[in-house]
Amino acid sequence: MLYRYSEVFRTLLAAADLALVGAAWMGAYALRFDAGIPAPLGRPPAMEYAWALLLIGPLYYGLFRSHGLYEPRRMDSALGEAGAVVRATAVGILVLAAATFFLRSYYYSRMVIGFFAVLAPIGVIGLRSTIRMALRAARRRGFNLRYVLLVGSGSLAEMVARRIQARSDAGLEIVGVVSD
């Protein structure tokens, strides 16, 4: 039953990530062409940029997935997750820049890509930080807990137990220890 809810949570998180990435792309377009920055070649139609989302959406979903952003990260720090988001978006920007170079049918503004390179990770990190804080608050109230049975003894088992107890915000509770 818990696995089913985790799949729903991952699906909702992926949908929110992709919505934010899409909003960052279109926001970068609006920032570039609606903020009064001179555009010597004129303003391109917004639909040309909206069509790019057909490449950007699956690209970023695959990158976020390959960087482990849809796996449980209870014991990871917020900084570790933010680093994974930045790495994934940096690779996405490189792929996007390469694709725009090789697709000669239409040229995308480098400034839009630059704004997108800043807006996308900020939006995704902000969303994930908010979710992380909400999950920590829920775990402090006794929700979304996972129970751990330690198997083993000695210094390694003690180290694992101390690490779990030191990260109370991870929502892991040791219910017992089994050793010989």
N, C-alpha and C. Protein backbone atom coordinates (compact mmCIF):
# COMPACT_ATOMS: atom_id res chain seq x y z
N MET A 1 0.81 -1.19 0.00
CA MET A 1 0.00 0.00 0.00
C MET A 1 0.86 1.26 0.00
N LEU A 2 1.94 1.25 0.78
CA LEU A 2 2.83 2.41 0.81
C LEU A 2 3.47 2.65 -0.56
N TYR A 3 3.79 1.55 -1.25
CA TYR A 3 4.41 1.68 -2.56
C TYR A 3 3.47 2.38 -3.53
N ARG A 4 2.18 2.07 -3.45
CA ARG A 4 1.21 2.70 -4.34
C ARG A 4 1.19 4.21 -4.13
N TYR A 5 1.22 4.65 -2.89
CA TYR A 5 1.22 6.07 -2.61
C TYR A 5 2.52 6.73 -3.06
N SER A 6 3.61 6.00 -2.97
CA SER A 6 4.88 6.59 -3.42
C SER A 6 4.87 6.77 -4.94
N GLU A 7 4.22 5.88 -5.65
CA GLU A 7 4.12 6.03 -7.11
C GLU A 7 3.26 7.24 -7.47
N VAL A 8 2.19 7.44 -6.73
CA VAL A 8 1.34 8.62 -6.96
C VAL A 8 2.15 9.88 -6.68
N PHE A 9 2.89 9.88 -5.58
CA PHE A 9 3.71 11.03 -5.22
C PHE A 9 4.76 11.32 -6.29
N ARG A 10 5.43 10.27 -6.79
CA ARG A 10 6.44 10.46 -7.85
C ARG A 10 5.81 11.02 -9.12
N THR A 11 4.63 10.52 -9.46
CA THR A 11 3.95 11.02 -10.66
C THR A 11 3.58 12.48 -10.51
N LEU A 12 3.04 12.84 -9.36
CA LEU A 12 2.70 14.25 -9.12
C LEU A 12 3.94 15.13 -9.09
N LEU A 13 5.02 14.63 -8.52
CA LEU A 13 6.27 15.39 -8.49
C LEU A 13 6.82 15.60 -9.90
N ALA A 14 6.77 14.55 -10.72
CA ALA A 14 7.23 14.68 -12.11
C ALA A 14 6.37 15.67 -12.88
N ALA A 15 5.06 15.62 -12.68
CA ALA A 15 4.17 16.56 -13.37
C ALA A 15 4.45 17.99 -12.92
N ALA A 16 4.68 18.19 -11.62
CA ALA A 16 4.99 19.53 -11.12
C ALA A 16 6.33 20.02 -11.65
N ASP A 17 7.32 19.13 -11.69
CA ASP A 17 8.63 19.50 -12.25
C ASP A 17 8.50 19.94 -13.70
N LEU A 18 7.77 19.16 -14.49
CA LEU A 18 7.64 19.48 -15.92
C LEU A 18 6.83 20.75 -16.12
N ALA A 19 5.83 20.97 -15.28
CA ALA A 19 5.06 22.22 -15.37
C ALA A 19 5.97 23.42 -15.06
N LEU A 20 6.82 23.27 -14.06
CA LEU A 20 7.74 24.36 -13.72
C LEU A 20 8.77 24.59 -14.82
N VAL A 21 9.28 23.52 -15.41
CA VAL A 21 10.25 23.66 -16.50
C VAL A 21 9.59 24.34 -17.69
N GLY A 22 8.36 23.94 -18.01
CA GLY A 22 7.64 24.59 -19.11
C GLY A 22 7.36 26.05 -18.81
N ALA A 23 6.97 26.35 -17.58
CA ALA A 23 6.73 27.74 -17.20
C ALA A 23 8.02 28.55 -17.23
N ALA A 24 9.13 27.92 -16.85
CA ALA A 24 10.43 28.62 -16.90
C ALA A 24 10.80 28.93 -18.35
N TRP A 25 10.54 28.00 -19.27
CA TRP A 25 10.85 28.23 -20.69
C TRP A 25 10.01 29.38 -21.25
N MET A 26 8.72 29.34 -21.01
CA MET A 26 7.85 30.40 -21.52
C MET A 26 8.08 31.70 -20.76
N GLY A 27 8.44 31.60 -19.48
CA GLY A 27 8.80 32.80 -18.71
C GLY A 27 10.06 33.44 -19.23
N ALA A 28 11.02 32.62 -19.65
CA ALA A 28 12.25 33.15 -20.22
C ALA A 28 11.95 33.87 -21.54
N TYR A 29 11.03 33.30 -22.33
CA TYR A 29 10.61 33.95 -23.57
C TYR A 29 9.98 35.32 -23.25
N ALA A 30 9.07 35.34 -22.28
CA ALA A 30 8.39 36.59 -21.92
C ALA A 30 9.39 37.60 -21.36
N LEU A 31 10.31 37.13 -20.54
CA LEU A 31 11.31 38.03 -19.96
C LEU A 31 12.18 38.64 -21.06
N ARG A 32 12.53 37.83 -22.03
CA ARG A 32 13.39 38.31 -23.12
C ARG A 32 12.67 39.32 -24.02
N PHE A 33 11.44 39.00 -24.40
CA PHE A 33 10.78 39.81 -25.42
C PHE A 33 9.74 40.79 -24.89
N ASP A 34 9.39 40.69 -23.61
CA ASP A 34 8.39 41.61 -23.05
C ASP A 34 8.97 42.56 -22.01
N ALA A 35 10.24 42.41 -21.70
CA ALA A 35 10.85 43.23 -20.63
C ALA A 35 11.53 44.48 -21.17
N GLY A 36 11.36 44.76 -22.43
CA GLY A 36 11.94 45.98 -23.00
C GLY A 36 13.38 45.82 -23.46
N ILE A 37 13.90 44.61 -23.48
CA ILE A 37 15.25 44.37 -23.99
C ILE A 37 15.18 44.47 -25.51
N PRO A 38 16.05 45.28 -26.12
CA PRO A 38 15.99 45.44 -27.58
C PRO A 38 16.15 44.09 -28.30
N ALA A 39 15.31 43.88 -29.30
CA ALA A 39 15.36 42.67 -30.13
C ALA A 39 15.56 43.10 -31.57
N PRO A 40 16.83 43.15 -32.04
CA PRO A 40 17.10 43.65 -33.39
C PRO A 40 16.43 42.84 -34.50
N LEU A 41 16.19 41.54 -34.27
CA LEU A 41 15.56 40.71 -35.29
C LEU A 41 14.05 40.66 -35.14
N GLY A 42 13.51 41.38 -34.18
CA GLY A 42 12.07 41.40 -33.95
C GLY A 42 11.65 40.32 -32.96
N ARG A 43 10.36 40.35 -32.69
CA ARG A 43 9.79 39.40 -31.73
C ARG A 43 9.28 38.17 -32.48
N PRO A 44 9.82 37.00 -32.16
CA PRO A 44 9.32 35.78 -32.82
C PRO A 44 7.97 35.37 -32.22
N PRO A 45 7.19 34.60 -32.95
CA PRO A 45 5.90 34.15 -32.41
C PRO A 45 6.11 33.23 -31.20
N ALA A 46 5.26 33.38 -30.21
CA ALA A 46 5.36 32.56 -29.00
C ALA A 46 5.13 31.08 -29.29
N MET A 47 4.35 30.78 -30.32
CA MET A 47 4.09 29.37 -30.65
C MET A 47 5.35 28.63 -31.06
N GLU A 48 6.30 29.33 -31.67
CA GLU A 48 7.57 28.68 -32.04
C GLU A 48 8.30 28.21 -30.78
N TYR A 49 8.19 28.98 -29.73
CA TYR A 49 8.83 28.60 -28.46
C TYR A 49 7.99 27.55 -27.73
N ALA A 50 6.68 27.63 -27.87
CA ALA A 50 5.81 26.63 -27.25
C ALA A 50 6.03 25.25 -27.87
N TRP A 51 6.29 25.20 -29.17
CA TRP A 51 6.57 23.92 -29.82
C TRP A 51 7.83 23.27 -29.28
N ALA A 52 8.77 24.07 -28.82
CA ALA A 52 10.02 23.53 -28.27
C ALA A 52 9.77 22.72 -27.00
N LEU A 53 8.63 22.97 -26.35
CA LEU A 53 8.31 22.21 -25.13
C LEU A 53 8.12 20.72 -25.43
N LEU A 54 7.81 20.38 -26.68
CA LEU A 54 7.69 18.97 -27.05
C LEU A 54 9.03 18.25 -26.94
N LEU A 55 10.14 18.98 -27.07
CA LEU A 55 11.48 18.41 -26.86
C LEU A 55 11.91 18.59 -25.41
N ILE A 56 11.63 19.75 -24.84
CA ILE A 56 12.12 20.09 -23.51
C ILE A 56 11.48 19.20 -22.44
N GLY A 57 10.18 18.95 -22.51
CA GLY A 57 9.48 18.14 -21.51
C GLY A 57 10.08 16.75 -21.35
N PRO A 58 10.09 15.94 -22.41
CA PRO A 58 10.67 14.59 -22.28
C PRO A 58 12.17 14.61 -21.94
N LEU A 59 12.88 15.60 -22.47
CA LEU A 59 14.32 15.70 -22.17
C LEU A 59 14.54 15.90 -20.68
N TYR A 60 13.84 16.83 -20.09
CA TYR A 60 14.03 17.11 -18.66
C TYR A 60 13.48 15.99 -17.78
N TYR A 61 12.41 15.34 -18.20
CA TYR A 61 11.92 14.20 -17.43
C TYR A 61 12.99 13.10 -17.40
N GLY A 62 13.55 12.80 -18.55
CA GLY A 62 14.61 11.78 -18.61
C GLY A 62 15.84 12.16 -17.81
N LEU A 63 16.23 13.43 -17.88
CA LEU A 63 17.40 13.88 -17.12
C LEU A 63 17.15 13.84 -15.61
N PHE A 64 15.99 14.31 -15.18
CA PHE A 64 15.68 14.28 -13.75
C PHE A 64 15.62 12.84 -13.25
N ARG A 65 15.05 11.98 -14.06
CA ARG A 65 14.96 10.56 -13.68
C ARG A 65 16.34 9.92 -13.62
N SER A 66 17.19 10.21 -14.60
CA SER A 66 18.52 9.61 -14.62
C SER A 66 19.42 10.16 -13.50
N HIS A 67 19.11 11.32 -12.99
CA HIS A 67 19.88 11.89 -11.87
C HIS A 67 19.29 11.50 -10.52
N GLY A 68 18.33 10.58 -10.51
CA GLY A 68 17.78 10.05 -9.28
C GLY A 68 16.84 10.98 -8.54
N LEU A 69 16.25 11.93 -9.24
CA LEU A 69 15.39 12.90 -8.58
C LEU A 69 13.98 12.38 -8.29
N TYR A 70 13.67 11.18 -8.78
CA TYR A 70 12.37 10.59 -8.46
C TYR A 70 12.52 9.36 -7.58
N GLU A 71 13.67 9.20 -6.99
CA GLU A 71 13.92 8.13 -6.03
C GLU A 71 13.81 8.71 -4.62
N PRO A 72 13.51 7.86 -3.64
CA PRO A 72 13.44 8.38 -2.26
C PRO A 72 14.78 8.99 -1.84
N ARG A 73 14.72 10.15 -1.25
CA ARG A 73 15.92 10.87 -0.83
C ARG A 73 15.83 11.27 0.64
N ARG A 74 15.33 10.36 1.46
CA ARG A 74 15.14 10.65 2.88
C ARG A 74 16.44 11.03 3.57
N MET A 75 17.50 10.34 3.25
CA MET A 75 18.76 10.58 3.96
C MET A 75 19.66 11.58 3.23
N ASP A 76 19.21 12.08 2.10
CA ASP A 76 19.99 13.06 1.35
C ASP A 76 19.70 14.45 1.89
N SER A 77 20.68 15.31 1.81
CA SER A 77 20.48 16.68 2.28
C SER A 77 19.79 17.51 1.19
N ALA A 78 19.28 18.65 1.59
CA ALA A 78 18.66 19.56 0.62
C ALA A 78 19.70 20.03 -0.40
N LEU A 79 20.92 20.21 0.07
CA LEU A 79 21.99 20.64 -0.83
C LEU A 79 22.33 19.55 -1.86
N GLY A 80 22.27 18.30 -1.44
CA GLY A 80 22.51 17.19 -2.37
C GLY A 80 21.47 17.13 -3.45
N GLU A 81 20.21 17.33 -3.06
CA GLU A 81 19.13 17.33 -4.04
C GLU A 81 19.24 18.53 -4.97
N ALA A 82 19.58 19.69 -4.42
CA ALA A 82 19.74 20.89 -5.26
C ALA A 82 20.88 20.70 -6.25
N GLY A 83 21.96 20.05 -5.81
CA GLY A 83 23.08 19.78 -6.71
C GLY A 83 22.66 18.87 -7.86
N ALA A 84 21.84 17.86 -7.57
CA ALA A 84 21.36 16.97 -8.62
C ALA A 84 20.47 17.72 -9.61
N VAL A 85 19.64 18.64 -9.11
CA VAL A 85 18.79 19.45 -9.99
C VAL A 85 19.65 20.33 -10.89
N VAL A 86 20.67 20.96 -10.31
CA VAL A 86 21.54 21.84 -11.10
C VAL A 86 22.30 21.04 -12.16
N ARG A 87 22.80 19.86 -11.79
CA ARG A 87 23.51 19.03 -12.76
C ARG A 87 22.59 18.61 -13.91
N ALA A 88 21.38 18.19 -13.57
CA ALA A 88 20.42 17.75 -14.59
C ALA A 88 20.04 18.91 -15.51
N THR A 89 19.78 20.09 -14.95
CA THR A 89 19.40 21.21 -15.79
C THR A 89 20.58 21.71 -16.63
N ALA A 90 21.79 21.60 -16.11
CA ALA A 90 22.97 22.00 -16.90
C ALA A 90 23.13 21.09 -18.11
N VAL A 91 22.94 19.79 -17.92
CA VAL A 91 23.01 18.87 -19.06
C VAL A 91 21.88 19.19 -20.04
N GLY A 92 20.70 19.49 -19.51
CA GLY A 92 19.58 19.84 -20.37
C GLY A 92 19.84 21.08 -21.20
N ILE A 93 20.48 22.08 -20.61
CA ILE A 93 20.82 23.30 -21.35
C ILE A 93 21.82 22.99 -22.46
N LEU A 94 22.80 22.15 -22.15
CA LEU A 94 23.78 21.78 -23.18
C LEU A 94 23.11 21.04 -24.33
N VAL A 95 22.23 20.10 -24.02
CA VAL A 95 21.52 19.36 -25.07
C VAL A 95 20.62 20.30 -25.87
N LEU A 96 19.94 21.19 -25.16
CA LEU A 96 19.06 22.16 -25.83
C LEU A 96 19.85 23.09 -26.75
N ALA A 97 20.99 23.57 -26.27
CA ALA A 97 21.83 24.44 -27.10
C ALA A 97 22.35 23.69 -28.32
N ALA A 98 22.75 22.44 -28.13
CA ALA A 98 23.23 21.64 -29.26
C ALA A 98 22.10 21.38 -30.25
N ALA A 99 20.91 21.10 -29.74
CA ALA A 99 19.77 20.84 -30.64
C ALA A 99 19.43 22.08 -31.44
N THR A 100 19.47 23.24 -30.81
CA THR A 100 19.15 24.47 -31.55
C THR A 100 20.24 24.79 -32.57
N PHE A 101 21.45 24.33 -32.32
CA PHE A 101 22.53 24.55 -33.29
C PHE A 101 22.32 23.66 -34.52
N PHE A 102 21.91 22.41 -34.29
CA PHE A 102 21.77 21.48 -35.40
C PHE A 102 20.43 21.61 -36.12
N LEU A 103 19.42 22.13 -35.45
CA LEU A 103 18.14 22.35 -36.10
C LEU A 103 18.18 23.73 -36.76
N ARG A 104 18.53 23.78 -38.00
CA ARG A 104 18.71 25.04 -38.69
C ARG A 104 17.40 25.65 -39.19
N SER A 105 16.28 24.95 -38.98
CA SER A 105 15.02 25.48 -39.50
C SER A 105 14.53 26.68 -38.70
N TYR A 106 14.93 26.78 -37.42
CA TYR A 106 14.50 27.90 -36.60
C TYR A 106 15.58 28.19 -35.56
N TYR A 107 15.84 29.45 -35.30
CA TYR A 107 16.85 29.85 -34.32
C TYR A 107 16.17 30.36 -33.06
N TYR A 108 16.56 29.79 -31.94
CA TYR A 108 16.04 30.26 -30.65
C TYR A 108 17.02 31.26 -30.07
N SER A 109 16.48 32.24 -29.39
CA SER A 109 17.29 33.29 -28.80
C SER A 109 18.22 32.71 -27.73
N ARG A 110 19.49 33.07 -27.82
CA ARG A 110 20.45 32.62 -26.79
C ARG A 110 20.11 33.24 -25.45
N MET A 111 19.54 34.43 -25.46
CA MET A 111 19.17 35.08 -24.20
C MET A 111 18.01 34.33 -23.54
N VAL A 112 17.08 33.81 -24.34
CA VAL A 112 15.99 33.01 -23.78
C VAL A 112 16.57 31.75 -23.13
N ILE A 113 17.50 31.12 -23.82
CA ILE A 113 18.14 29.93 -23.26
C ILE A 113 18.90 30.28 -21.98
N GLY A 114 19.54 31.43 -21.95
CA GLY A 114 20.25 31.86 -20.74
C GLY A 114 19.31 32.13 -19.59
N PHE A 115 18.20 32.83 -19.84
CA PHE A 115 17.21 33.06 -18.79
C PHE A 115 16.62 31.73 -18.30
N PHE A 116 16.38 30.82 -19.24
CA PHE A 116 15.85 29.51 -18.90
C PHE A 116 16.83 28.75 -18.01
N ALA A 117 18.12 28.89 -18.30
CA ALA A 117 19.15 28.20 -17.51
C ALA A 117 19.15 28.66 -16.06
N VAL A 118 18.65 29.86 -15.80
CA VAL A 118 18.57 30.38 -14.43
C VAL A 118 17.20 30.07 -13.82
N LEU A 119 16.13 30.28 -14.58
CA LEU A 119 14.78 30.12 -14.04
C LEU A 119 14.41 28.67 -13.73
N ALA A 120 14.80 27.74 -14.59
CA ALA A 120 14.39 26.34 -14.41
C ALA A 120 14.94 25.74 -13.10
N PRO A 121 16.24 25.82 -12.84
CA PRO A 121 16.70 25.23 -11.58
C PRO A 121 16.18 25.96 -10.35
N ILE A 122 16.02 27.27 -10.43
CA ILE A 122 15.49 28.01 -9.27
C ILE A 122 14.07 27.55 -8.97
N GLY A 123 13.24 27.40 -9.99
CA GLY A 123 11.87 26.96 -9.79
C GLY A 123 11.78 25.55 -9.23
N VAL A 124 12.55 24.63 -9.81
CA VAL A 124 12.49 23.23 -9.36
C VAL A 124 13.06 23.10 -7.95
N ILE A 125 14.15 23.77 -7.66
CA ILE A 125 14.74 23.71 -6.31
C ILE A 125 13.77 24.32 -5.29
N GLY A 126 13.12 25.42 -5.65
CA GLY A 126 12.14 26.03 -4.76
C GLY A 126 10.98 25.10 -4.46
N LEU A 127 10.46 24.44 -5.50
CA LEU A 127 9.36 23.49 -5.30
C LEU A 127 9.79 22.35 -4.40
N ARG A 128 10.94 21.78 -4.69
CA ARG A 128 11.41 20.62 -3.92
C ARG A 128 11.76 21.00 -2.49
N SER A 129 12.24 22.20 -2.27
CA SER A 129 12.51 22.65 -0.90
C SER A 129 11.21 22.79 -0.12
N THR A 130 10.19 23.31 -0.76
CA THR A 130 8.89 23.44 -0.12
C THR A 130 8.32 22.07 0.23
N ILE A 131 8.41 21.13 -0.69
CA ILE A 131 7.92 19.78 -0.43
C ILE A 131 8.72 19.12 0.69
N ARG A 132 10.03 19.32 0.67
CA ARG A 132 10.89 18.74 1.71
C ARG A 132 10.49 19.28 3.09
N MET A 133 10.24 20.57 3.19
CA MET A 133 9.84 21.16 4.48
C MET A 133 8.48 20.61 4.92
N ALA A 134 7.55 20.45 3.99
CA ALA A 134 6.23 19.91 4.33
C ALA A 134 6.34 18.46 4.80
N LEU A 135 7.19 17.67 4.14
CA LEU A 135 7.37 16.28 4.57
C LEU A 135 8.03 16.20 5.94
N ARG A 136 8.97 17.08 6.22
CA ARG A 136 9.61 17.09 7.54
C ARG A 136 8.58 17.42 8.62
N ALA A 137 7.73 18.39 8.34
CA ALA A 137 6.69 18.75 9.31
C ALA A 137 5.74 17.57 9.54
N ALA A 138 5.38 16.87 8.49
CA ALA A 138 4.49 15.72 8.62
C ALA A 138 5.17 14.60 9.41
N ARG A 139 6.45 14.39 9.17
CA ARG A 139 7.18 13.34 9.90
C ARG A 139 7.32 13.68 11.38
N ARG A 140 7.46 14.96 11.71
CA ARG A 140 7.52 15.36 13.12
C ARG A 140 6.20 15.07 13.83
N ARG A 141 5.12 15.07 13.08
CA ARG A 141 3.80 14.79 13.65
C ARG A 141 3.47 13.29 13.61
N GLY A 142 4.40 12.47 13.12
CA GLY A 142 4.20 11.03 13.11
C GLY A 142 3.66 10.45 11.82
N PHE A 143 3.56 11.25 10.77
CA PHE A 143 3.08 10.75 9.48
C PHE A 143 4.27 10.43 8.57
N ASN A 144 4.03 9.56 7.59
CA ASN A 144 5.03 9.23 6.57
C ASN A 144 6.32 8.71 7.19
N LEU A 145 6.18 7.83 8.16
CA LEU A 145 7.35 7.22 8.82
C LEU A 145 7.66 5.87 8.19
N ARG A 146 8.90 5.48 8.25
CA ARG A 146 9.35 4.15 7.84
C ARG A 146 10.06 3.54 9.04
N TYR A 147 9.82 2.25 9.24
CA TYR A 147 10.39 1.58 10.40
C TYR A 147 11.55 0.70 9.95
N VAL A 148 12.62 0.72 10.75
CA VAL A 148 13.86 0.05 10.38
C VAL A 148 14.16 -1.03 11.39
N LEU A 149 14.52 -2.21 10.91
CA LEU A 149 15.02 -3.29 11.75
C LEU A 149 16.48 -3.47 11.37
N LEU A 150 17.37 -3.15 12.30
CA LEU A 150 18.80 -3.28 12.05
C LEU A 150 19.21 -4.73 12.23
N VAL A 151 19.95 -5.24 11.25
CA VAL A 151 20.46 -6.61 11.33
C VAL A 151 21.97 -6.52 11.39
N GLY A 152 22.54 -6.99 12.47
CA GLY A 152 23.99 -6.96 12.63
C GLY A 152 24.37 -6.41 13.99
N SER A 153 25.66 -6.40 14.23
CA SER A 153 26.15 -5.89 15.50
C SER A 153 27.52 -5.26 15.28
N GLY A 154 28.07 -4.75 16.32
CA GLY A 154 29.39 -4.18 16.24
C GLY A 154 29.36 -2.71 15.89
N SER A 155 30.53 -2.22 15.52
CA SER A 155 30.68 -0.78 15.29
C SER A 155 29.89 -0.30 14.07
N LEU A 156 29.77 -1.14 13.05
CA LEU A 156 29.01 -0.74 11.86
C LEU A 156 27.53 -0.54 12.20
N ALA A 157 26.95 -1.46 12.96
CA ALA A 157 25.54 -1.33 13.35
C ALA A 157 25.34 -0.09 14.22
N GLU A 158 26.28 0.17 15.12
CA GLU A 158 26.18 1.37 15.97
C GLU A 158 26.27 2.64 15.13
N MET A 159 27.15 2.63 14.14
CA MET A 159 27.29 3.81 13.27
C MET A 159 26.01 4.05 12.48
N VAL A 160 25.41 2.98 11.94
CA VAL A 160 24.17 3.12 11.19
C VAL A 160 23.05 3.62 12.10
N ALA A 161 22.96 3.09 13.30
CA ALA A 161 21.93 3.52 14.24
C ALA A 161 22.10 4.99 14.60
N ARG A 162 23.34 5.42 14.85
CA ARG A 162 23.57 6.83 15.18
C ARG A 162 23.20 7.73 14.01
N ARG A 163 23.54 7.29 12.81
CA ARG A 163 23.22 8.10 11.62
C ARG A 163 21.71 8.24 11.44
N ILE A 164 20.98 7.17 11.64
CA ILE A 164 19.52 7.22 11.51
C ILE A 164 18.93 8.12 12.59
N GLN A 165 19.41 7.99 13.81
CA GLN A 165 18.88 8.80 14.91
C GLN A 165 19.26 10.27 14.76
N ALA A 166 20.40 10.55 14.14
CA ALA A 166 20.83 11.94 13.95
C ALA A 166 19.96 12.65 12.91
N ARG A 167 19.38 11.91 12.01
CA ARG A 167 18.53 12.49 10.96
C ARG A 167 17.07 12.19 11.26
N SER A 168 16.56 12.75 12.32
CA SER A 168 15.17 12.49 12.71
C SER A 168 14.20 13.01 11.65
N ASP A 169 14.60 14.01 10.88
CA ASP A 169 13.73 14.55 9.85
C ASP A 169 13.54 13.60 8.68
N ALA A 170 14.34 12.52 8.61
CA ALA A 170 14.20 11.55 7.52
C ALA A 170 12.99 10.65 7.72
N GLY A 171 12.44 10.61 8.93
CA GLY A 171 11.25 9.81 9.17
C GLY A 171 11.53 8.34 9.30
N LEU A 172 12.74 7.98 9.74
CA LEU A 172 13.09 6.58 9.97
C LEU A 172 13.14 6.32 11.47
N GLU A 173 12.50 5.24 11.90
CA GLU A 173 12.52 4.87 13.31
C GLU A 173 13.04 3.45 13.44
N ILE A 174 14.00 3.27 14.32
CA ILE A 174 14.56 1.94 14.57
C ILE A 174 13.62 1.22 15.54
N VAL A 175 13.09 0.06 15.10
CA VAL A 175 12.18 -0.70 15.95
C VAL A 175 12.90 -1.83 16.68
N GLY A 176 14.09 -2.17 16.23
CA GLY A 176 14.83 -3.22 16.90
C GLY A 176 16.12 -3.54 16.19
N VAL A 177 16.92 -4.39 16.89
CA VAL A 177 18.20 -4.81 16.35
C VAL A 177 18.27 -6.34 16.46
N VAL A 178 18.67 -6.98 15.39
CA VAL A 178 18.83 -8.43 15.39
C VAL A 178 20.31 -8.73 15.20
N SER A 179 20.87 -9.49 16.13
CA SER A 179 22.27 -9.88 16.01
C SER A 179 22.44 -11.27 16.59
N ASP A 180 23.60 -11.85 16.34
CA ASP A 180 23.84 -13.20 16.87
C ASP A 180 24.42 -13.18 18.25
